[in-house]
Amino acid sequence: SKETVQNKLAQFVEATGVDEIIVSMPIYDIEARLFSVN
């Protein structure tokens, strides 16, 4: 869920100290991919 992803993202940023993230969403269905991107 959005809440789960937001929490995991915050944990990742805190654990790694990164200041930039590259996101990859290898989802075949374009509508599903756009949903995920948004």
PDB file of all heavy atoms in Angstrom:
ATOM      1  N   SER A   1       0.844  -1.192   0.000  1.00  0.00           N
ATOM      2  CA  SER A   1       0.000   0.000   0.000  1.00  0.00           C
ATOM      3  C   SER A   1       0.883   1.248   0.000  1.00  0.00           C
ATOM      4  O   SER A   1       2.100   1.171   0.238  1.00  0.00           O
ATOM      5  CB  SER A   1      -0.886   0.008   1.254  1.00  0.00           C
ATOM      6  OG  SER A   1      -0.075   0.189   2.402  1.00  0.00           O
ATOM      7  N   LYS A   2       0.267   2.406  -0.232  1.00  0.00           N
ATOM      8  CA  LYS A   2       1.036   3.651  -0.200  1.00  0.00           C
ATOM      9  C   LYS A   2       1.721   3.818   1.156  1.00  0.00           C
ATOM     10  O   LYS A   2       2.881   4.223   1.223  1.00  0.00           O
ATOM     11  CB  LYS A   2       0.132   4.848  -0.478  1.00  0.00           C
ATOM     12  CG  LYS A   2      -0.275   4.976  -1.919  1.00  0.00           C
ATOM     13  CD  LYS A   2      -1.123   6.222  -2.104  1.00  0.00           C
ATOM     14  CE  LYS A   2      -1.657   6.304  -3.507  1.00  0.00           C
ATOM     15  NZ  LYS A   2      -2.516   7.490  -3.696  1.00  0.00           N
ATOM     16  N   GLU A   3       0.998   3.503   2.225  1.00  0.00           N
ATOM     17  CA  GLU A   3       1.576   3.639   3.566  1.00  0.00           C
ATOM     18  C   GLU A   3       2.765   2.702   3.757  1.00  0.00           C
ATOM     19  O   GLU A   3       3.812   3.102   4.283  1.00  0.00           O
ATOM     20  CB  GLU A   3       0.512   3.347   4.625  1.00  0.00           C
ATOM     21  CG  GLU A   3       1.015   3.533   6.041  1.00  0.00           C
ATOM     22  CD  GLU A   3      -0.066   3.280   7.071  1.00  0.00           C
ATOM     23  OE1 GLU A   3      -1.208   3.728   6.864  1.00  0.00           O
ATOM     24  OE2 GLU A   3       0.253   2.634   8.085  1.00  0.00           O
ATOM     25  N   THR A   4       2.630   1.469   3.313  1.00  0.00           N
ATOM     26  CA  THR A   4       3.720   0.494   3.429  1.00  0.00           C
ATOM     27  C   THR A   4       4.934   0.948   2.637  1.00  0.00           C
ATOM     28  O   THR A   4       6.063   0.921   3.137  1.00  0.00           O
ATOM     29  CB  THR A   4       3.255  -0.895   2.931  1.00  0.00           C
ATOM     30  OG1 THR A   4       2.185  -1.336   3.758  1.00  0.00           O
ATOM     31  CG2 THR A   4       4.383  -1.908   2.958  1.00  0.00           C
ATOM     32  N   VAL A   5       4.721   1.373   1.410  1.00  0.00           N
ATOM     33  CA  VAL A   5       5.826   1.819   0.562  1.00  0.00           C
ATOM     34  C   VAL A   5       6.483   3.065   1.155  1.00  0.00           C
ATOM     35  O   VAL A   5       7.709   3.178   1.177  1.00  0.00           O
ATOM     36  CB  VAL A   5       5.354   2.063  -0.891  1.00  0.00           C
ATOM     37  CG1 VAL A   5       6.439   2.731  -1.717  1.00  0.00           C
ATOM     38  CG2 VAL A   5       4.934   0.742  -1.528  1.00  0.00           C
ATOM     39  N   GLN A   6       5.680   3.995   1.650  1.00  0.00           N
ATOM     40  CA  GLN A   6       6.227   5.207   2.254  1.00  0.00           C
ATOM     41  C   GLN A   6       7.104   4.864   3.459  1.00  0.00           C
ATOM     42  O   GLN A   6       8.201   5.409   3.611  1.00  0.00           O
ATOM     43  CB  GLN A   6       5.094   6.139   2.672  1.00  0.00           C
ATOM     44  CG  GLN A   6       5.565   7.509   3.098  1.00  0.00           C
ATOM     45  CD  GLN A   6       4.404   8.458   3.285  1.00  0.00           C
ATOM     46  OE1 GLN A   6       3.294   8.047   3.612  1.00  0.00           O
ATOM     47  NE2 GLN A   6       4.635   9.724   3.054  1.00  0.00           N
ATOM     48  N   ASN A   7       6.655   3.935   4.292  1.00  0.00           N
ATOM     49  CA  ASN A   7       7.442   3.516   5.456  1.00  0.00           C
ATOM     50  C   ASN A   7       8.732   2.818   5.040  1.00  0.00           C
ATOM     51  O   ASN A   7       9.805   3.092   5.589  1.00  0.00           O
ATOM     52  CB  ASN A   7       6.621   2.603   6.368  1.00  0.00           C
ATOM     53  CG  ASN A   7       5.512   3.347   7.078  1.00  0.00           C
ATOM     54  OD1 ASN A   7       5.566   4.561   7.250  1.00  0.00           O
ATOM     55  ND2 ASN A   7       4.478   2.620   7.481  1.00  0.00           N
ATOM     56  N   LYS A   8       8.635   1.920   4.066  1.00  0.00           N
ATOM     57  CA  LYS A   8       9.835   1.210   3.596  1.00  0.00           C
ATOM     58  C   LYS A   8      10.817   2.174   2.943  1.00  0.00           C
ATOM     59  O   LYS A   8      12.032   2.039   3.104  1.00  0.00           O
ATOM     60  CB  LYS A   8       9.452   0.100   2.620  1.00  0.00           C
ATOM     61  CG  LYS A   8       8.800  -1.093   3.269  1.00  0.00           C
ATOM     62  CD  LYS A   8       8.501  -2.167   2.235  1.00  0.00           C
ATOM     63  CE  LYS A   8       7.895  -3.398   2.838  1.00  0.00           C
ATOM     64  NZ  LYS A   8       7.664  -4.441   1.824  1.00  0.00           N
ATOM     65  N   LEU A   9      10.296   3.141   2.201  1.00  0.00           N
ATOM     66  CA  LEU A   9      11.159   4.140   1.559  1.00  0.00           C
ATOM     67  C   LEU A   9      11.889   4.962   2.623  1.00  0.00           C
ATOM     68  O   LEU A   9      13.103   5.191   2.517  1.00  0.00           O
ATOM     69  CB  LEU A   9      10.334   5.043   0.640  1.00  0.00           C
ATOM     70  CG  LEU A   9      11.100   6.141  -0.086  1.00  0.00           C
ATOM     71  CD1 LEU A   9      12.183   5.555  -0.985  1.00  0.00           C
ATOM     72  CD2 LEU A   9      10.129   7.000  -0.904  1.00  0.00           C
ATOM     73  N   ALA A  10      11.178   5.386   3.653  1.00  0.00           N
ATOM     74  CA  ALA A  10      11.801   6.158   4.732  1.00  0.00           C
ATOM     75  C   ALA A  10      12.881   5.332   5.433  1.00  0.00           C
ATOM     76  O   ALA A  10      13.972   5.850   5.738  1.00  0.00           O
ATOM     77  CB  ALA A  10      10.741   6.612   5.728  1.00  0.00           C
ATOM     78  N   GLN A  11      12.615   4.054   5.663  1.00  0.00           N
ATOM     79  CA  GLN A  11      13.603   3.174   6.292  1.00  0.00           C
ATOM     80  C   GLN A  11      14.836   3.023   5.401  1.00  0.00           C
ATOM     81  O   GLN A  11      15.970   3.033   5.890  1.00  0.00           O
ATOM     82  CB  GLN A  11      12.995   1.809   6.580  1.00  0.00           C
ATOM     83  CG  GLN A  11      11.953   1.813   7.665  1.00  0.00           C
ATOM     84  CD  GLN A  11      11.204   0.486   7.759  1.00  0.00           C
ATOM     85  OE1 GLN A  11      11.466  -0.454   7.016  1.00  0.00           O
ATOM     86  NE2 GLN A  11      10.257   0.415   8.681  1.00  0.00           N
ATOM     87  N   PHE A  12      14.612   2.876   4.101  1.00  0.00           N
ATOM     88  CA  PHE A  12      15.716   2.733   3.158  1.00  0.00           C
ATOM     89  C   PHE A  12      16.588   3.979   3.157  1.00  0.00           C
ATOM     90  O   PHE A  12      17.812   3.898   3.222  1.00  0.00           O
ATOM     91  CB  PHE A  12      15.171   2.458   1.751  1.00  0.00           C
ATOM     92  CG  PHE A  12      16.222   2.469   0.683  1.00  0.00           C
ATOM     93  CD1 PHE A  12      17.062   1.385   0.515  1.00  0.00           C
ATOM     94  CD2 PHE A  12      16.384   3.566  -0.148  1.00  0.00           C
ATOM     95  CE1 PHE A  12      18.045   1.388  -0.471  1.00  0.00           C
ATOM     96  CE2 PHE A  12      17.349   3.581  -1.134  1.00  0.00           C
ATOM     97  CZ  PHE A  12      18.190   2.489  -1.291  1.00  0.00           C
ATOM     98  N   VAL A  13      15.954   5.150   3.077  1.00  0.00           N
ATOM     99  CA  VAL A  13      16.703   6.411   3.052  1.00  0.00           C
ATOM    100  C   VAL A  13      17.496   6.580   4.347  1.00  0.00           C
ATOM    101  O   VAL A  13      18.672   6.961   4.324  1.00  0.00           O
ATOM    102  CB  VAL A  13      15.754   7.607   2.810  1.00  0.00           C
ATOM    103  CG1 VAL A  13      16.463   8.927   3.026  1.00  0.00           C
ATOM    104  CG2 VAL A  13      15.176   7.542   1.396  1.00  0.00           C
ATOM    105  N   GLU A  14      16.869   6.286   5.484  1.00  0.00           N
ATOM    106  CA  GLU A  14      17.566   6.411   6.758  1.00  0.00           C
ATOM    107  C   GLU A  14      18.735   5.432   6.864  1.00  0.00           C
ATOM    108  O   GLU A  14      19.816   5.780   7.327  1.00  0.00           O
ATOM    109  CB  GLU A  14      16.600   6.192   7.913  1.00  0.00           C
ATOM    110  CG  GLU A  14      17.255   6.462   9.254  1.00  0.00           C
ATOM    111  CD  GLU A  14      16.270   6.463  10.402  1.00  0.00           C
ATOM    112  OE1 GLU A  14      15.125   6.899  10.202  1.00  0.00           O
ATOM    113  OE2 GLU A  14      16.662   6.022  11.495  1.00  0.00           O
ATOM    114  N   ALA A  15      18.521   4.199   6.421  1.00  0.00           N
ATOM    115  CA  ALA A  15      19.564   3.171   6.536  1.00  0.00           C
ATOM    116  C   ALA A  15      20.751   3.437   5.620  1.00  0.00           C
ATOM    117  O   ALA A  15      21.888   3.118   5.969  1.00  0.00           O
ATOM    118  CB  ALA A  15      18.973   1.793   6.234  1.00  0.00           C
ATOM    119  N   THR A  16      20.488   4.022   4.450  1.00  0.00           N
ATOM    120  CA  THR A  16      21.560   4.208   3.470  1.00  0.00           C
ATOM    121  C   THR A  16      22.107   5.623   3.424  1.00  0.00           C
ATOM    122  O   THR A  16      23.214   5.846   2.942  1.00  0.00           O
ATOM    123  CB  THR A  16      21.069   3.841   2.056  1.00  0.00           C
ATOM    124  OG1 THR A  16      19.981   4.712   1.706  1.00  0.00           O
ATOM    125  CG2 THR A  16      20.644   2.386   1.984  1.00  0.00           C
ATOM    126  N   GLY A  17      21.322   6.600   3.878  1.00  0.00           N
ATOM    127  CA  GLY A  17      21.766   7.987   3.831  1.00  0.00           C
ATOM    128  C   GLY A  17      21.773   8.590   2.436  1.00  0.00           C
ATOM    129  O   GLY A  17      22.406   9.618   2.206  1.00  0.00           O
ATOM    130  N   VAL A  18      21.065   7.986   1.514  1.00  0.00           N
ATOM    131  CA  VAL A  18      21.050   8.489   0.135  1.00  0.00           C
ATOM    132  C   VAL A  18      20.299   9.816   0.054  1.00  0.00           C
ATOM    133  O   VAL A  18      19.440  10.112   0.883  1.00  0.00           O
ATOM    134  CB  VAL A  18      20.411   7.484  -0.847  1.00  0.00           C
ATOM    135  CG1 VAL A  18      21.201   6.196  -0.886  1.00  0.00           C
ATOM    136  CG2 VAL A  18      18.963   7.225  -0.514  1.00  0.00           C
ATOM    137  N   ASP A  19      20.654  10.614  -0.949  1.00  0.00           N
ATOM    138  CA  ASP A  19      19.929  11.857  -1.180  1.00  0.00           C
ATOM    139  C   ASP A  19      19.268  11.873  -2.551  1.00  0.00           C
ATOM    140  O   ASP A  19      18.707  12.872  -2.976  1.00  0.00           O
ATOM    141  CB  ASP A  19      20.839  13.073  -1.009  1.00  0.00           C
ATOM    142  CG  ASP A  19      21.979  13.097  -2.004  1.00  0.00           C
ATOM    143  OD1 ASP A  19      22.103  12.165  -2.819  1.00  0.00           O
ATOM    144  OD2 ASP A  19      22.757  14.067  -1.965  1.00  0.00           O
ATOM    145  N   GLU A  20      19.341  10.750  -3.235  1.00  0.00           N
ATOM    146  CA  GLU A  20      18.714  10.616  -4.551  1.00  0.00           C
ATOM    147  C   GLU A  20      18.334   9.153  -4.749  1.00  0.00           C
ATOM    148  O   GLU A  20      19.062   8.256  -4.322  1.00  0.00           O
ATOM    149  CB  GLU A  20      19.693  11.050  -5.640  1.00  0.00           C
ATOM    150  CG  GLU A  20      19.143  10.985  -7.034  1.00  0.00           C
ATOM    151  CD  GLU A  20      20.132  11.492  -8.077  1.00  0.00           C
ATOM    152  OE1 GLU A  20      21.347  11.471  -7.823  1.00  0.00           O
ATOM    153  OE2 GLU A  20      19.664  11.899  -9.141  1.00  0.00           O
ATOM    154  N   ILE A  21      17.201   8.923  -5.395  1.00  0.00           N
ATOM    155  CA  ILE A  21      16.728   7.559  -5.631  1.00  0.00           C
ATOM    156  C   ILE A  21      16.381   7.401  -7.107  1.00  0.00           C
ATOM    157  O   ILE A  21      15.726   8.272  -7.692  1.00  0.00           O
ATOM    158  CB  ILE A  21      15.489   7.247  -4.771  1.00  0.00           C
ATOM    159  CG1 ILE A  21      15.862   7.289  -3.298  1.00  0.00           C
ATOM    160  CG2 ILE A  21      14.884   5.895  -5.138  1.00  0.00           C
ATOM    161  CD1 ILE A  21      14.700   7.148  -2.368  1.00  0.00           C
ATOM    162  N   ILE A  22      16.828   6.322  -7.690  1.00  0.00           N
ATOM    163  CA  ILE A  22      16.455   5.966  -9.061  1.00  0.00           C
ATOM    164  C   ILE A  22      15.422   4.858  -8.956  1.00  0.00           C
ATOM    165  O   ILE A  22      15.661   3.829  -8.316  1.00  0.00           O
ATOM    166  CB  ILE A  22      17.674   5.503  -9.877  1.00  0.00           C
ATOM    167  CG1 ILE A  22      18.681   6.642  -9.973  1.00  0.00           C
ATOM    168  CG2 ILE A  22      17.240   5.019 -11.254  1.00  0.00           C
ATOM    169  CD1 ILE A  22      20.007   6.238 -10.571  1.00  0.00           C
ATOM    170  N   VAL A  23      14.278   5.058  -9.574  1.00  0.00           N
ATOM    171  CA  VAL A  23      13.169   4.116  -9.469  1.00  0.00           C
ATOM    172  C   VAL A  23      12.993   3.376 -10.791  1.00  0.00           C
ATOM    173  O   VAL A  23      13.028   3.987 -11.859  1.00  0.00           O
ATOM    174  CB  VAL A  23      11.860   4.865  -9.110  1.00  0.00           C
ATOM    175  CG1 VAL A  23      10.690   3.913  -9.068  1.00  0.00           C
ATOM    176  CG2 VAL A  23      12.022   5.600  -7.797  1.00  0.00           C
ATOM    177  N   SER A  24      12.805   2.078 -10.699  1.00  0.00           N
ATOM    178  CA  SER A  24      12.525   1.263 -11.871  1.00  0.00           C
ATOM    179  C   SER A  24      11.234   0.499 -11.612  1.00  0.00           C
ATOM    180  O   SER A  24      11.076  -0.121 -10.563  1.00  0.00           O
ATOM    181  CB  SER A  24      13.665   0.276 -12.111  1.00  0.00           C
ATOM    182  OG  SER A  24      13.337  -0.607 -13.157  1.00  0.00           O
ATOM    183  N   MET A  25      10.317   0.575 -12.568  1.00  0.00           N
ATOM    184  CA  MET A  25       9.044  -0.132 -12.432  1.00  0.00           C
ATOM    185  C   MET A  25       8.828  -0.988 -13.681  1.00  0.00           C
ATOM    186  O   MET A  25       8.137  -0.571 -14.600  1.00  0.00           O
ATOM    187  CB  MET A  25       7.902   0.865 -12.237  1.00  0.00           C
ATOM    188  CG  MET A  25       8.017   1.657 -10.981  1.00  0.00           C
ATOM    189  SD  MET A  25       6.638   2.768 -10.784  1.00  0.00           S
ATOM    190  CE  MET A  25       7.108   3.603  -9.299  1.00  0.00           C
ATOM    191  N   PRO A  26       9.439  -2.162 -13.713  1.00  0.00           N
ATOM    192  CA  PRO A  26       9.308  -3.019 -14.892  1.00  0.00           C
ATOM    193  C   PRO A  26       7.960  -3.735 -14.928  1.00  0.00           C
ATOM    194  O   PRO A  26       7.869  -4.941 -14.731  1.00  0.00           O
ATOM    195  CB  PRO A  26      10.479  -3.987 -14.744  1.00  0.00           C
ATOM    196  CG  PRO A  26      10.677  -4.090 -13.267  1.00  0.00           C
ATOM    197  CD  PRO A  26      10.328  -2.737 -12.717  1.00  0.00           C
ATOM    198  N   ILE A  27       6.910  -2.955 -15.147  1.00  0.00           N
ATOM    199  CA  ILE A  27       5.544  -3.493 -15.184  1.00  0.00           C
ATOM    200  C   ILE A  27       5.093  -3.491 -16.636  1.00  0.00           C
ATOM    201  O   ILE A  27       5.091  -2.443 -17.287  1.00  0.00           O
ATOM    202  CB  ILE A  27       4.599  -2.634 -14.319  1.00  0.00           C
ATOM    203  CG1 ILE A  27       5.108  -2.586 -12.874  1.00  0.00           C
ATOM    204  CG2 ILE A  27       3.174  -3.173 -14.394  1.00  0.00           C
ATOM    205  CD1 ILE A  27       4.411  -1.563 -12.011  1.00  0.00           C
ATOM    206  N   TYR A  28       4.721  -4.635 -17.153  1.00  0.00           N
ATOM    207  CA  TYR A  28       4.368  -4.758 -18.570  1.00  0.00           C
ATOM    208  C   TYR A  28       3.141  -3.927 -18.930  1.00  0.00           C
ATOM    209  O   TYR A  28       3.147  -3.194 -19.916  1.00  0.00           O
ATOM    210  CB  TYR A  28       4.135  -6.228 -18.932  1.00  0.00           C
ATOM    211  CG  TYR A  28       3.701  -6.414 -20.367  1.00  0.00           C
ATOM    212  CD1 TYR A  28       4.630  -6.338 -21.388  1.00  0.00           C
ATOM    213  CD2 TYR A  28       2.367  -6.632 -20.693  1.00  0.00           C
ATOM    214  CE1 TYR A  28       4.247  -6.482 -22.711  1.00  0.00           C
ATOM    215  CE2 TYR A  28       1.975  -6.779 -22.014  1.00  0.00           C
ATOM    216  CZ  TYR A  28       2.916  -6.706 -23.012  1.00  0.00           C
ATOM    217  OH  TYR A  28       2.520  -6.846 -24.312  1.00  0.00           O
ATOM    218  N   ASP A  29       2.094  -4.019 -18.145  1.00  0.00           N
ATOM    219  CA  ASP A  29       0.848  -3.322 -18.443  1.00  0.00           C
ATOM    220  C   ASP A  29       1.030  -1.820 -18.215  1.00  0.00           C
ATOM    221  O   ASP A  29       1.316  -1.385 -17.097  1.00  0.00           O
ATOM    222  CB  ASP A  29      -0.268  -3.865 -17.551  1.00  0.00           C
ATOM    223  CG  ASP A  29      -1.594  -3.183 -17.825  1.00  0.00           C
ATOM    224  OD1 ASP A  29      -2.332  -3.653 -18.700  1.00  0.00           O
ATOM    225  OD2 ASP A  29      -1.873  -2.163 -17.153  1.00  0.00           O
ATOM    226  N   ILE A  30       0.869  -1.016 -19.252  1.00  0.00           N
ATOM    227  CA  ILE A  30       1.137   0.416 -19.161  1.00  0.00           C
ATOM    228  C   ILE A  30       0.225   1.114 -18.161  1.00  0.00           C
ATOM    229  O   ILE A  30       0.657   2.012 -17.428  1.00  0.00           O
ATOM    230  CB  ILE A  30       1.075   1.091 -20.556  1.00  0.00           C
ATOM    231  CG1 ILE A  30       1.582   2.544 -20.478  1.00  0.00           C
ATOM    232  CG2 ILE A  30      -0.331   1.062 -21.115  1.00  0.00           C
ATOM    233  CD1 ILE A  30       3.019   2.692 -20.138  1.00  0.00           C
ATOM    234  N   GLU A  31      -1.033   0.729 -18.085  1.00  0.00           N
ATOM    235  CA  GLU A  31      -1.946   1.355 -17.125  1.00  0.00           C
ATOM    236  C   GLU A  31      -1.514   1.057 -15.691  1.00  0.00           C
ATOM    237  O   GLU A  31      -1.541   1.934 -14.825  1.00  0.00           O
ATOM    238  CB  GLU A  31      -3.390   0.899 -17.365  1.00  0.00           C
ATOM    239  CG  GLU A  31      -3.961   1.364 -18.691  1.00  0.00           C
ATOM    240  CD  GLU A  31      -3.998   2.887 -18.837  1.00  0.00           C
ATOM    241  OE1 GLU A  31      -4.289   3.582 -17.850  1.00  0.00           O
ATOM    242  OE2 GLU A  31      -3.729   3.372 -19.952  1.00  0.00           O
ATOM    243  N   ALA A  32      -1.106  -0.165 -15.440  1.00  0.00           N
ATOM    244  CA  ALA A  32      -0.628  -0.532 -14.104  1.00  0.00           C
ATOM    245  C   ALA A  32       0.664   0.214 -13.778  1.00  0.00           C
ATOM    246  O   ALA A  32       0.869   0.667 -12.644  1.00  0.00           O
ATOM    247  CB  ALA A  32      -0.411  -2.041 -14.018  1.00  0.00           C
ATOM    248  N   ARG A  33       1.531   0.352 -14.779  1.00  0.00           N
ATOM    249  CA  ARG A  33       2.785   1.079 -14.564  1.00  0.00           C
ATOM    250  C   ARG A  33       2.511   2.543 -14.240  1.00  0.00           C
ATOM    251  O   ARG A  33       3.094   3.120 -13.323  1.00  0.00           O
ATOM    252  CB  ARG A  33       3.692   0.976 -15.776  1.00  0.00           C
ATOM    253  CG  ARG A  33       5.064   1.551 -15.495  1.00  0.00           C
ATOM    254  CD  ARG A  33       6.040   1.428 -16.643  1.00  0.00           C
ATOM    255  NE  ARG A  33       5.820   0.270 -17.473  1.00  0.00           N
ATOM    256  CZ  ARG A  33       6.090   0.233 -18.771  1.00  0.00           C
ATOM    257  NH1 ARG A  33       6.577   1.286 -19.386  1.00  0.00           N
ATOM    258  NH2 ARG A  33       5.869  -0.852 -19.474  1.00  0.00           N
ATOM    259  N   LEU A  34       1.607   3.180 -14.999  1.00  0.00           N
ATOM    260  CA  LEU A  34       1.264   4.579 -14.746  1.00  0.00           C
ATOM    261  C   LEU A  34       0.638   4.750 -13.367  1.00  0.00           C
ATOM    262  O   LEU A  34       0.907   5.735 -12.666  1.00  0.00           O
ATOM    263  CB  LEU A  34       0.340   5.112 -15.835  1.00  0.00           C
ATOM    264  CG  LEU A  34       0.992   5.287 -17.206  1.00  0.00           C
ATOM    265  CD1 LEU A  34      -0.051   5.657 -18.252  1.00  0.00           C
ATOM    266  CD2 LEU A  34       2.095   6.339 -17.150  1.00  0.00           C
ATOM    267  N   PHE A  35      -0.185   3.803 -12.959  1.00  0.00           N
ATOM    268  CA  PHE A  35      -0.764   3.842 -11.617  1.00  0.00           C
ATOM    269  C   PHE A  35       0.341   3.829 -10.573  1.00  0.00           C
ATOM    270  O   PHE A  35       0.331   4.622  -9.620  1.00  0.00           O
ATOM    271  CB  PHE A  35      -1.721   2.656 -11.410  1.00  0.00           C
ATOM    272  CG  PHE A  35      -2.258   2.592 -10.011  1.00  0.00           C
ATOM    273  CD1 PHE A  35      -3.346   3.369  -9.641  1.00  0.00           C
ATOM    274  CD2 PHE A  35      -1.670   1.769  -9.064  1.00  0.00           C
ATOM    275  CE1 PHE A  35      -3.841   3.326  -8.338  1.00  0.00           C
ATOM    276  CE2 PHE A  35      -2.150   1.722  -7.768  1.00  0.00           C
ATOM    277  CZ  PHE A  35      -3.238   2.496  -7.404  1.00  0.00           C
ATOM    278  N   SER A  36       1.312   2.944 -10.731  1.00  0.00           N
ATOM    279  CA  SER A  36       2.417   2.844  -9.786  1.00  0.00           C
ATOM    280  C   SER A  36       3.276   4.109  -9.771  1.00  0.00           C
ATOM    281  O   SER A  36       3.679   4.571  -8.709  1.00  0.00           O
ATOM    282  CB  SER A  36       3.304   1.639 -10.110  1.00  0.00           C
ATOM    283  OG  SER A  36       2.647   0.450  -9.764  1.00  0.00           O
ATOM    284  N   VAL A  37       3.545   4.642 -10.950  1.00  0.00           N
ATOM    285  CA  VAL A  37       4.336   5.873 -11.034  1.00  0.00           C
ATOM    286  C   VAL A  37       3.623   7.005 -10.305  1.00  0.00           C
ATOM    287  O   VAL A  37       4.225   7.733  -9.505  1.00  0.00           O
ATOM    288  CB  VAL A  37       4.618   6.251 -12.502  1.00  0.00           C
ATOM    289  CG1 VAL A  37       5.192   7.662 -12.614  1.00  0.00           C
ATOM    290  CG2 VAL A  37       5.567   5.249 -13.134  1.00  0.00           C
ATOM    291  N   ASN A  38       2.345   7.167 -10.549  1.00  0.00           N
ATOM    292  CA  ASN A  38       1.581   8.224  -9.897  1.00  0.00           C
ATOM    293  C   ASN A  38       1.485   8.010  -8.386  1.00  0.00           C
ATOM    294  O   ASN A  38       1.622   8.964  -7.609  1.00  0.00           O
ATOM    295  CB  ASN A  38       0.184   8.346 -10.512  1.00  0.00           C
ATOM    296  CG  ASN A  38       0.232   8.937 -11.903  1.00  0.00           C
ATOM    297  OD1 ASN A  38       1.033   9.811 -12.187  1.00  0.00           O
ATOM    298  ND2 ASN A  38      -0.633   8.455 -12.774  1.00  0.00           N
TER     299      ASN A  38
END
